[in-house]
Amino acid sequence: MKALKYSIIILVFSISFLKAQNSPWIIGADANYNLPIAGLSDRMVGDFGGLIYAGKKTTENWTWVGKFEYFKLTDVNKDQMFKIVKAEVNDVISDYRFELPLLEMEFTAAGLSVEARYNLFNSSFLEADLNFGFGFYYWEYSRTGYQDSLYIDTTGAGDLLLAEYLNVPPLFQKDWSGGITIGTDFNLSLFDPLSLNLGINYKLIIAELWPALSLNLENVSGFQFLDLRAGFRVKL
């Protein structure tokens, strides 16, 4: 709850600061594709989310916005869902790979943040900005439990050897965590006051997922994403 309190304070302060300026407001809405990278990519694949924002130009080159975003990942990375087991067959110790097709995971995040945008280029039809954002995210992660007996066919004729029995309990984590984004935005003028917004950002949520080594899942320190945005912006 402290993180929620701080995020609200940040947004209220930003809006109060923006209201004091005599510059046009901007509002916008983007769809974004959140592609996990680094450790999180070993667990899950990307999915779509959305964000809304409102802000003001405070100087010739700087614009400040308050932003709310939400996204949810539901598909596991099937290529990484396997277990390696060492077993001795015919007096030879070898590694055996077992797929984990029934393993399910889900990750959800909602964030409140402030974003500063520095104008790099401005013409009648195109604006390019460098942006940096910081704020707080509420996130939830769940993983199903897993029970299975892993057998090795020692002869190819159906003679099975029990290599390992998996009995891993489910996991649920949730928390409020700080986060940052950095990237670029391009606004293509369609007609006054509407623009098409395209952006690419690096996003980091400063949090941790616990390991489950029995399922070949390493610890994830920091949730990292490539955030691809597309939407519309209006100047008021």
C-alpha atoms as a PDB file:
ATOM      1  CA  MET A   1       0.000   0.000   0.000  1.00  0.00           C
ATOM      2  CA  LYS A   2       2.936   2.359   0.567  1.00  0.00           C
ATOM      3  CA  ALA A   3       3.909   1.969  -3.093  1.00  0.00           C
ATOM      4  CA  LEU A   4       0.359   2.856  -4.168  1.00  0.00           C
ATOM      5  CA  LYS A   5       0.465   5.938  -1.931  1.00  0.00           C
ATOM      6  CA  TYR A   6       3.782   7.071  -3.423  1.00  0.00           C
ATOM      7  CA  SER A   7       2.603   6.516  -6.996  1.00  0.00           C
ATOM      8  CA  ILE A   8      -0.528   8.622  -6.384  1.00  0.00           C
ATOM      9  CA  ILE A   9       1.602  11.374  -4.832  1.00  0.00           C
ATOM     10  CA  ILE A  10       3.866  11.365  -7.903  1.00  0.00           C
ATOM     11  CA  LEU A  11       0.921  11.639 -10.298  1.00  0.00           C
ATOM     12  CA  VAL A  12      -0.802  14.399  -8.275  1.00  0.00           C
ATOM     13  CA  PHE A  13       2.446  16.372  -8.103  1.00  0.00           C
ATOM     14  CA  SER A  14       2.977  15.975 -11.866  1.00  0.00           C
ATOM     15  CA  ILE A  15      -0.537  17.054 -12.764  1.00  0.00           C
ATOM     16  CA  SER A  16      -0.327  20.056 -10.415  1.00  0.00           C
ATOM     17  CA  PHE A  17       2.962  21.057 -12.027  1.00  0.00           C
ATOM     18  CA  LEU A  18       1.554  20.669 -15.534  1.00  0.00           C
ATOM     19  CA  LYS A  19      -1.532  22.746 -14.779  1.00  0.00           C
ATOM     20  CA  ALA A  20       0.694  25.652 -13.878  1.00  0.00           C
ATOM     21  CA  GLN A  21       2.049  25.792 -17.436  1.00  0.00           C
ATOM     22  CA  ASN A  22       0.408  27.631 -20.335  1.00  0.00           C
ATOM     23  CA  SER A  23       1.025  25.014 -22.986  1.00  0.00           C
ATOM     24  CA  PRO A  24      -1.249  22.622 -24.874  1.00  0.00           C
ATOM     25  CA  TRP A  25      -2.290  19.409 -23.186  1.00  0.00           C
ATOM     26  CA  ILE A  26      -1.778  16.073 -24.892  1.00  0.00           C
ATOM     27  CA  ILE A  27      -3.780  12.906 -24.335  1.00  0.00           C
ATOM     28  CA  GLY A  28      -3.219   9.534 -25.917  1.00  0.00           C
ATOM     29  CA  ALA A  29      -3.897   5.823 -25.912  1.00  0.00           C
ATOM     30  CA  ASP A  30      -1.598   3.067 -27.162  1.00  0.00           C
ATOM     31  CA  ALA A  31      -1.771  -0.654 -27.626  1.00  0.00           C
ATOM     32  CA  ASN A  32       1.560  -2.211 -26.724  1.00  0.00           C
ATOM     33  CA  TYR A  33       3.231  -5.574 -27.169  1.00  0.00           C
ATOM     34  CA  ASN A  34       5.269  -6.615 -24.128  1.00  0.00           C
ATOM     35  CA  LEU A  35       8.038  -9.010 -25.167  1.00  0.00           C
ATOM     36  CA  PRO A  36       9.905 -10.555 -22.202  1.00  0.00           C
ATOM     37  CA  ILE A  37      13.699 -10.517 -22.462  1.00  0.00           C
ATOM     38  CA  ALA A  38      16.513 -11.874 -20.272  1.00  0.00           C
ATOM     39  CA  GLY A  39      15.440 -14.291 -17.509  1.00  0.00           C
ATOM     40  CA  LEU A  40      11.682 -13.776 -17.854  1.00  0.00           C
ATOM     41  CA  SER A  41      11.827 -14.870 -21.507  1.00  0.00           C
ATOM     42  CA  ASP A  42      12.768 -18.378 -20.342  1.00  0.00           C
ATOM     43  CA  ARG A  43       9.342 -18.628 -18.693  1.00  0.00           C
ATOM     44  CA  MET A  44       6.895 -16.678 -20.828  1.00  0.00           C
ATOM     45  CA  VAL A  45       6.316 -15.240 -24.294  1.00  0.00           C
ATOM     46  CA  GLY A  46       4.975 -11.811 -25.184  1.00  0.00           C
ATOM     47  CA  ASP A  47       1.403 -10.554 -25.326  1.00  0.00           C
ATOM     48  CA  PHE A  48      -0.569  -7.356 -25.877  1.00  0.00           C
ATOM     49  CA  GLY A  49      -1.555  -4.732 -23.329  1.00  0.00           C
ATOM     50  CA  GLY A  50      -2.615  -1.112 -23.339  1.00  0.00           C
ATOM     51  CA  LEU A  51      -1.856   2.288 -21.851  1.00  0.00           C
ATOM     52  CA  ILE A  52      -3.401   5.742 -21.563  1.00  0.00           C
ATOM     53  CA  TYR A  53      -1.641   9.007 -20.792  1.00  0.00           C
ATOM     54  CA  ALA A  54      -2.135  12.749 -20.427  1.00  0.00           C
ATOM     55  CA  GLY A  55       0.403  15.520 -20.089  1.00  0.00           C
ATOM     56  CA  LYS A  56       1.713  18.943 -21.040  1.00  0.00           C
ATOM     57  CA  LYS A  57       4.641  20.547 -22.773  1.00  0.00           C
ATOM     58  CA  THR A  58       6.512  22.429 -20.041  1.00  0.00           C
ATOM     59  CA  THR A  59       9.371  23.937 -22.078  1.00  0.00           C
ATOM     60  CA  GLU A  60      10.333  24.113 -25.730  1.00  0.00           C
ATOM     61  CA  ASN A  61      11.866  20.620 -25.606  1.00  0.00           C
ATOM     62  CA  TRP A  62      10.323  18.878 -22.576  1.00  0.00           C
ATOM     63  CA  THR A  63       6.901  17.275 -22.138  1.00  0.00           C
ATOM     64  CA  TRP A  64       5.744  15.548 -18.928  1.00  0.00           C
ATOM     65  CA  VAL A  65       2.953  12.968 -18.893  1.00  0.00           C
ATOM     66  CA  GLY A  66       1.203  10.756 -16.353  1.00  0.00           C
ATOM     67  CA  LYS A  67       0.592   7.227 -17.598  1.00  0.00           C
ATOM     68  CA  PHE A  68      -1.451   4.151 -16.640  1.00  0.00           C
ATOM     69  CA  GLU A  69      -0.768   0.789 -18.270  1.00  0.00           C
ATOM     70  CA  TYR A  70      -1.980  -2.795 -17.969  1.00  0.00           C
ATOM     71  CA  PHE A  71      -0.831  -6.041 -19.541  1.00  0.00           C
ATOM     72  CA  LYS A  72      -1.110  -9.774 -19.010  1.00  0.00           C
ATOM     73  CA  LEU A  73       1.050 -12.706 -20.154  1.00  0.00           C
ATOM     74  CA  THR A  74      -0.598 -16.132 -20.317  1.00  0.00           C
ATOM     75  CA  ASP A  75       1.554 -18.253 -22.652  1.00  0.00           C
ATOM     76  CA  VAL A  76       4.603 -20.116 -21.386  1.00  0.00           C
ATOM     77  CA  ASN A  77       7.764 -20.502 -23.451  1.00  0.00           C
ATOM     78  CA  LYS A  78       7.276 -24.108 -24.558  1.00  0.00           C
ATOM     79  CA  ASP A  79      10.847 -24.337 -25.860  1.00  0.00           C
ATOM     80  CA  GLN A  80      12.144 -23.893 -22.289  1.00  0.00           C
ATOM     81  CA  MET A  81       9.623 -26.118 -20.497  1.00  0.00           C
ATOM     82  CA  PHE A  82      11.724 -29.240 -19.993  1.00  0.00           C
ATOM     83  CA  LYS A  83      13.562 -31.137 -17.274  1.00  0.00           C
ATOM     84  CA  ILE A  84      17.025 -32.714 -17.636  1.00  0.00           C
ATOM     85  CA  VAL A  85      17.552 -35.883 -15.588  1.00  0.00           C
ATOM     86  CA  LYS A  86      20.774 -37.859 -15.188  1.00  0.00           C
ATOM     87  CA  ALA A  87      20.218 -41.607 -15.122  1.00  0.00           C
ATOM     88  CA  GLU A  88      22.304 -44.762 -15.470  1.00  0.00           C
ATOM     89  CA  VAL A  89      21.176 -47.107 -18.212  1.00  0.00           C
ATOM     90  CA  ASN A  90      23.272 -50.175 -19.128  1.00  0.00           C
ATOM     91  CA  ASP A  91      26.093 -48.912 -16.882  1.00  0.00           C
ATOM     92  CA  VAL A  92      26.230 -45.578 -18.735  1.00  0.00           C
ATOM     93  CA  ILE A  93      25.219 -42.299 -17.081  1.00  0.00           C
ATOM     94  CA  SER A  94      23.464 -39.990 -19.547  1.00  0.00           C
ATOM     95  CA  ASP A  95      21.279 -36.897 -19.614  1.00  0.00           C
ATOM     96  CA  TYR A  96      17.638 -37.402 -20.538  1.00  0.00           C
ATOM     97  CA  ARG A  97      15.283 -34.604 -21.498  1.00  0.00           C
ATOM     98  CA  PHE A  98      11.628 -34.658 -20.459  1.00  0.00           C
ATOM     99  CA  GLU A  99       9.101 -32.127 -21.769  1.00  0.00           C
ATOM    100  CA  LEU A 100       6.753 -30.419 -19.278  1.00  0.00           C
ATOM    101  CA  PRO A 101       3.664 -29.830 -21.444  1.00  0.00           C
ATOM    102  CA  LEU A 102       1.195 -29.357 -18.581  1.00  0.00           C
ATOM    103  CA  LEU A 103       3.040 -26.518 -16.862  1.00  0.00           C
ATOM    104  CA  GLU A 104       1.049 -23.266 -16.872  1.00  0.00           C
ATOM    105  CA  MET A 105       1.995 -19.734 -15.782  1.00  0.00           C
ATOM    106  CA  GLU A 106       0.402 -16.296 -15.785  1.00  0.00           C
ATOM    107  CA  PHE A 107       1.823 -12.829 -15.197  1.00  0.00           C
ATOM    108  CA  THR A 108      -0.252  -9.645 -14.802  1.00  0.00           C
ATOM    109  CA  ALA A 109       0.935  -6.079 -14.206  1.00  0.00           C
ATOM    110  CA  ALA A 110      -0.710  -2.666 -13.836  1.00  0.00           C
ATOM    111  CA  GLY A 111       1.405   0.452 -13.500  1.00  0.00           C
ATOM    112  CA  LEU A 112       1.171   4.155 -12.663  1.00  0.00           C
ATOM    113  CA  SER A 113       4.124   6.237 -13.793  1.00  0.00           C
ATOM    114  CA  VAL A 114       5.427   9.626 -14.856  1.00  0.00           C
ATOM    115  CA  GLU A 115       7.209   9.983 -18.177  1.00  0.00           C
ATOM    116  CA  ALA A 116       9.478  12.803 -19.333  1.00  0.00           C
ATOM    117  CA  ARG A 117       9.812  13.259 -23.099  1.00  0.00           C
ATOM    118  CA  TYR A 118      12.635  15.243 -24.682  1.00  0.00           C
ATOM    119  CA  ASN A 119      12.040  16.411 -28.243  1.00  0.00           C
ATOM    120  CA  LEU A 120      14.755  15.314 -30.665  1.00  0.00           C
ATOM    121  CA  PHE A 121      13.128  16.405 -33.920  1.00  0.00           C
ATOM    122  CA  ASN A 122      10.060  18.436 -34.819  1.00  0.00           C
ATOM    123  CA  SER A 123       8.519  19.245 -38.184  1.00  0.00           C
ATOM    124  CA  SER A 124       5.036  19.820 -39.545  1.00  0.00           C
ATOM    125  CA  PHE A 125       4.483  16.076 -40.087  1.00  0.00           C
ATOM    126  CA  LEU A 126       6.858  14.280 -37.679  1.00  0.00           C
ATOM    127  CA  GLU A 127       7.981  14.551 -34.054  1.00  0.00           C
ATOM    128  CA  ALA A 128      10.624  12.316 -32.475  1.00  0.00           C
ATOM    129  CA  ASP A 129      11.064  12.141 -28.691  1.00  0.00           C
ATOM    130  CA  LEU A 130      13.393  10.440 -26.247  1.00  0.00           C
ATOM    131  CA  ASN A 131      11.447   9.352 -23.170  1.00  0.00           C
ATOM    132  CA  PHE A 132      12.275   8.255 -19.636  1.00  0.00           C
ATOM    133  CA  GLY A 133       9.637   7.045 -17.196  1.00  0.00           C
ATOM    134  CA  PHE A 134       9.518   5.950 -13.569  1.00  0.00           C
ATOM    135  CA  GLY A 135       6.712   4.741 -11.337  1.00  0.00           C
ATOM    136  CA  PHE A 136       5.174   1.767  -9.567  1.00  0.00           C
ATOM    137  CA  TYR A 137       3.663  -1.502 -10.779  1.00  0.00           C
ATOM    138  CA  TYR A 138       1.327  -3.916  -9.040  1.00  0.00           C
ATOM    139  CA  TRP A 139       2.047  -7.408 -10.366  1.00  0.00           C
ATOM    140  CA  GLU A 140       0.891 -10.975  -9.850  1.00  0.00           C
ATOM    141  CA  TYR A 141       2.549 -14.208 -10.942  1.00  0.00           C
ATOM    142  CA  SER A 142       1.102 -17.699 -10.687  1.00  0.00           C
ATOM    143  CA  ARG A 143       2.464 -21.130 -11.608  1.00  0.00           C
ATOM    144  CA  THR A 144       0.546 -24.368 -11.440  1.00  0.00           C
ATOM    145  CA  GLY A 145       1.786 -27.311  -9.416  1.00  0.00           C
ATOM    146  CA  TYR A 146       3.308 -30.222 -11.301  1.00  0.00           C
ATOM    147  CA  GLN A 147       3.119 -33.944 -10.620  1.00  0.00           C
ATOM    148  CA  ASP A 148       4.527 -36.532 -12.989  1.00  0.00           C
ATOM    149  CA  SER A 149       6.558 -39.720 -13.101  1.00  0.00           C
ATOM    150  CA  LEU A 150       9.495 -39.527 -15.519  1.00  0.00           C
ATOM    151  CA  TYR A 151      10.304 -42.878 -17.097  1.00  0.00           C
ATOM    152  CA  ILE A 152      13.143 -43.894 -19.417  1.00  0.00           C
ATOM    153  CA  ASP A 153      12.700 -46.649 -21.993  1.00  0.00           C
ATOM    154  CA  THR A 154      15.911 -48.604 -21.361  1.00  0.00           C
ATOM    155  CA  THR A 155      15.610 -51.055 -24.263  1.00  0.00           C
ATOM    156  CA  GLY A 156      13.329 -49.419 -26.799  1.00  0.00           C
ATOM    157  CA  ALA A 157      10.880 -52.248 -26.214  1.00  0.00           C
ATOM    158  CA  GLY A 158       8.912 -50.722 -23.381  1.00  0.00           C
ATOM    159  CA  ASP A 159      11.154 -51.655 -20.443  1.00  0.00           C
ATOM    160  CA  LEU A 160      10.702 -48.547 -18.303  1.00  0.00           C
ATOM    161  CA  LEU A 161      12.968 -47.196 -15.585  1.00  0.00           C
ATOM    162  CA  LEU A 162      11.648 -44.543 -13.183  1.00  0.00           C
ATOM    163  CA  ALA A 163      14.169 -41.700 -13.429  1.00  0.00           C
ATOM    164  CA  GLU A 164      12.442 -39.167 -11.152  1.00  0.00           C
ATOM    165  CA  TYR A 165       9.085 -38.352  -9.608  1.00  0.00           C
ATOM    166  CA  LEU A 166       8.066 -34.699  -9.751  1.00  0.00           C
ATOM    167  CA  ASN A 167       5.825 -33.314  -7.029  1.00  0.00           C
ATOM    168  CA  VAL A 168       6.194 -29.512  -7.145  1.00  0.00           C
ATOM    169  CA  PRO A 169       3.577 -27.369  -5.358  1.00  0.00           C
ATOM    170  CA  PRO A 170       1.942 -24.355  -7.069  1.00  0.00           C
ATOM    171  CA  LEU A 171       3.314 -20.854  -6.573  1.00  0.00           C
ATOM    172  CA  PHE A 172       1.643 -17.452  -6.324  1.00  0.00           C
ATOM    173  CA  GLN A 173       3.534 -14.172  -5.885  1.00  0.00           C
ATOM    174  CA  LYS A 174       2.290 -10.574  -5.827  1.00  0.00           C
ATOM    175  CA  ASP A 175       3.793  -7.227  -4.873  1.00  0.00           C
ATOM    176  CA  TRP A 176       4.156  -3.520  -5.605  1.00  0.00           C
ATOM    177  CA  SER A 177       7.499  -2.751  -7.272  1.00  0.00           C
ATOM    178  CA  GLY A 178       9.278   0.215  -8.778  1.00  0.00           C
ATOM    179  CA  GLY A 179       9.862   0.357 -12.493  1.00  0.00           C
ATOM    180  CA  ILE A 180      11.551   2.394 -15.214  1.00  0.00           C
ATOM    181  CA  THR A 181      11.183   2.780 -18.966  1.00  0.00           C
ATOM    182  CA  ILE A 182      13.423   4.374 -21.565  1.00  0.00           C
ATOM    183  CA  GLY A 183      12.921   4.596 -25.301  1.00  0.00           C
ATOM    184  CA  THR A 184      11.809   6.649 -28.281  1.00  0.00           C
ATOM    185  CA  ASP A 185       8.454   7.843 -29.631  1.00  0.00           C
ATOM    186  CA  PHE A 186       7.548   8.988 -33.128  1.00  0.00           C
ATOM    187  CA  ASN A 187       4.387  11.005 -33.788  1.00  0.00           C
ATOM    188  CA  LEU A 188       3.200  11.171 -37.403  1.00  0.00           C
ATOM    189  CA  SER A 189       0.673  13.965 -38.014  1.00  0.00           C
ATOM    190  CA  LEU A 190      -2.557  12.675 -39.559  1.00  0.00           C
ATOM    191  CA  PHE A 191      -4.600  15.881 -39.293  1.00  0.00           C
ATOM    192  CA  ASP A 192      -4.708  18.582 -36.674  1.00  0.00           C
ATOM    193  CA  PRO A 193      -4.843  17.729 -33.765  1.00  0.00           C
ATOM    194  CA  LEU A 194      -4.535  13.919 -34.269  1.00  0.00           C
ATOM    195  CA  SER A 195      -1.228  12.068 -34.619  1.00  0.00           C
ATOM    196  CA  LEU A 196      -0.245   8.431 -35.008  1.00  0.00           C
ATOM    197  CA  ASN A 197       2.144   7.423 -32.217  1.00  0.00           C
ATOM    198  CA  LEU A 198       4.759   4.673 -32.657  1.00  0.00           C
ATOM    199  CA  GLY A 199       7.317   3.798 -30.001  1.00  0.00           C
ATOM    200  CA  ILE A 200       9.864   1.276 -28.804  1.00  0.00           C
ATOM    201  CA  ASN A 201      10.914   1.123 -25.145  1.00  0.00           C
ATOM    202  CA  TYR A 202      12.927  -0.891 -22.673  1.00  0.00           C
ATOM    203  CA  LYS A 203      10.909  -1.584 -19.517  1.00  0.00           C
ATOM    204  CA  LEU A 204      12.202  -2.907 -16.195  1.00  0.00           C
ATOM    205  CA  ILE A 205      10.082  -3.853 -13.174  1.00  0.00           C
ATOM    206  CA  ILE A 206      12.406  -4.203 -10.185  1.00  0.00           C
ATOM    207  CA  ALA A 207      11.182  -7.462  -8.658  1.00  0.00           C
ATOM    208  CA  GLU A 208      12.044 -11.133  -8.369  1.00  0.00           C
ATOM    209  CA  LEU A 209      10.485 -14.503  -9.220  1.00  0.00           C
ATOM    210  CA  TRP A 210      11.497 -17.426  -7.067  1.00  0.00           C
ATOM    211  CA  PRO A 211      13.200 -20.418  -8.683  1.00  0.00           C
ATOM    212  CA  ALA A 212      11.813 -23.931  -9.090  1.00  0.00           C
ATOM    213  CA  LEU A 213      14.901 -25.945  -9.950  1.00  0.00           C
ATOM    214  CA  SER A 214      12.913 -29.176 -10.026  1.00  0.00           C
ATOM    215  CA  LEU A 215      11.163 -27.712 -13.091  1.00  0.00           C
ATOM    216  CA  ASN A 216      14.304 -26.202 -14.645  1.00  0.00           C
ATOM    217  CA  LEU A 217      13.150 -22.680 -13.681  1.00  0.00           C
ATOM    218  CA  GLU A 218      15.941 -20.384 -12.543  1.00  0.00           C
ATOM    219  CA  ASN A 219      15.485 -17.305 -10.365  1.00  0.00           C
ATOM    220  CA  VAL A 220      14.346 -14.210 -12.305  1.00  0.00           C
ATOM    221  CA  SER A 221      15.806 -10.979 -10.944  1.00  0.00           C
ATOM    222  CA  GLY A 222      14.141  -8.033 -12.652  1.00  0.00           C
ATOM    223  CA  PHE A 223      11.267  -8.316 -15.133  1.00  0.00           C
ATOM    224  CA  GLN A 224      12.614  -6.947 -18.411  1.00  0.00           C
ATOM    225  CA  PHE A 225      10.555  -6.227 -21.523  1.00  0.00           C
ATOM    226  CA  LEU A 226      10.851  -4.808 -24.996  1.00  0.00           C
ATOM    227  CA  ASP A 227       7.761  -2.601 -25.143  1.00  0.00           C
ATOM    228  CA  LEU A 228       6.469  -1.894 -28.676  1.00  0.00           C
ATOM    229  CA  ARG A 229       3.758   0.804 -28.830  1.00  0.00           C
ATOM    230  CA  ALA A 230       1.270   2.023 -31.425  1.00  0.00           C
ATOM    231  CA  GLY A 231      -1.694   4.328 -30.902  1.00  0.00           C
ATOM    232  CA  PHE A 232      -3.058   7.849 -31.238  1.00  0.00           C
ATOM    233  CA  ARG A 233      -2.230  11.184 -29.634  1.00  0.00           C
ATOM    234  CA  VAL A 234      -4.348  14.341 -29.508  1.00  0.00           C
ATOM    235  CA  LYS A 235      -3.179  17.874 -28.732  1.00  0.00           C
ATOM    236  CA  LEU A 236      -5.756  19.990 -26.882  1.00  0.00           C
END
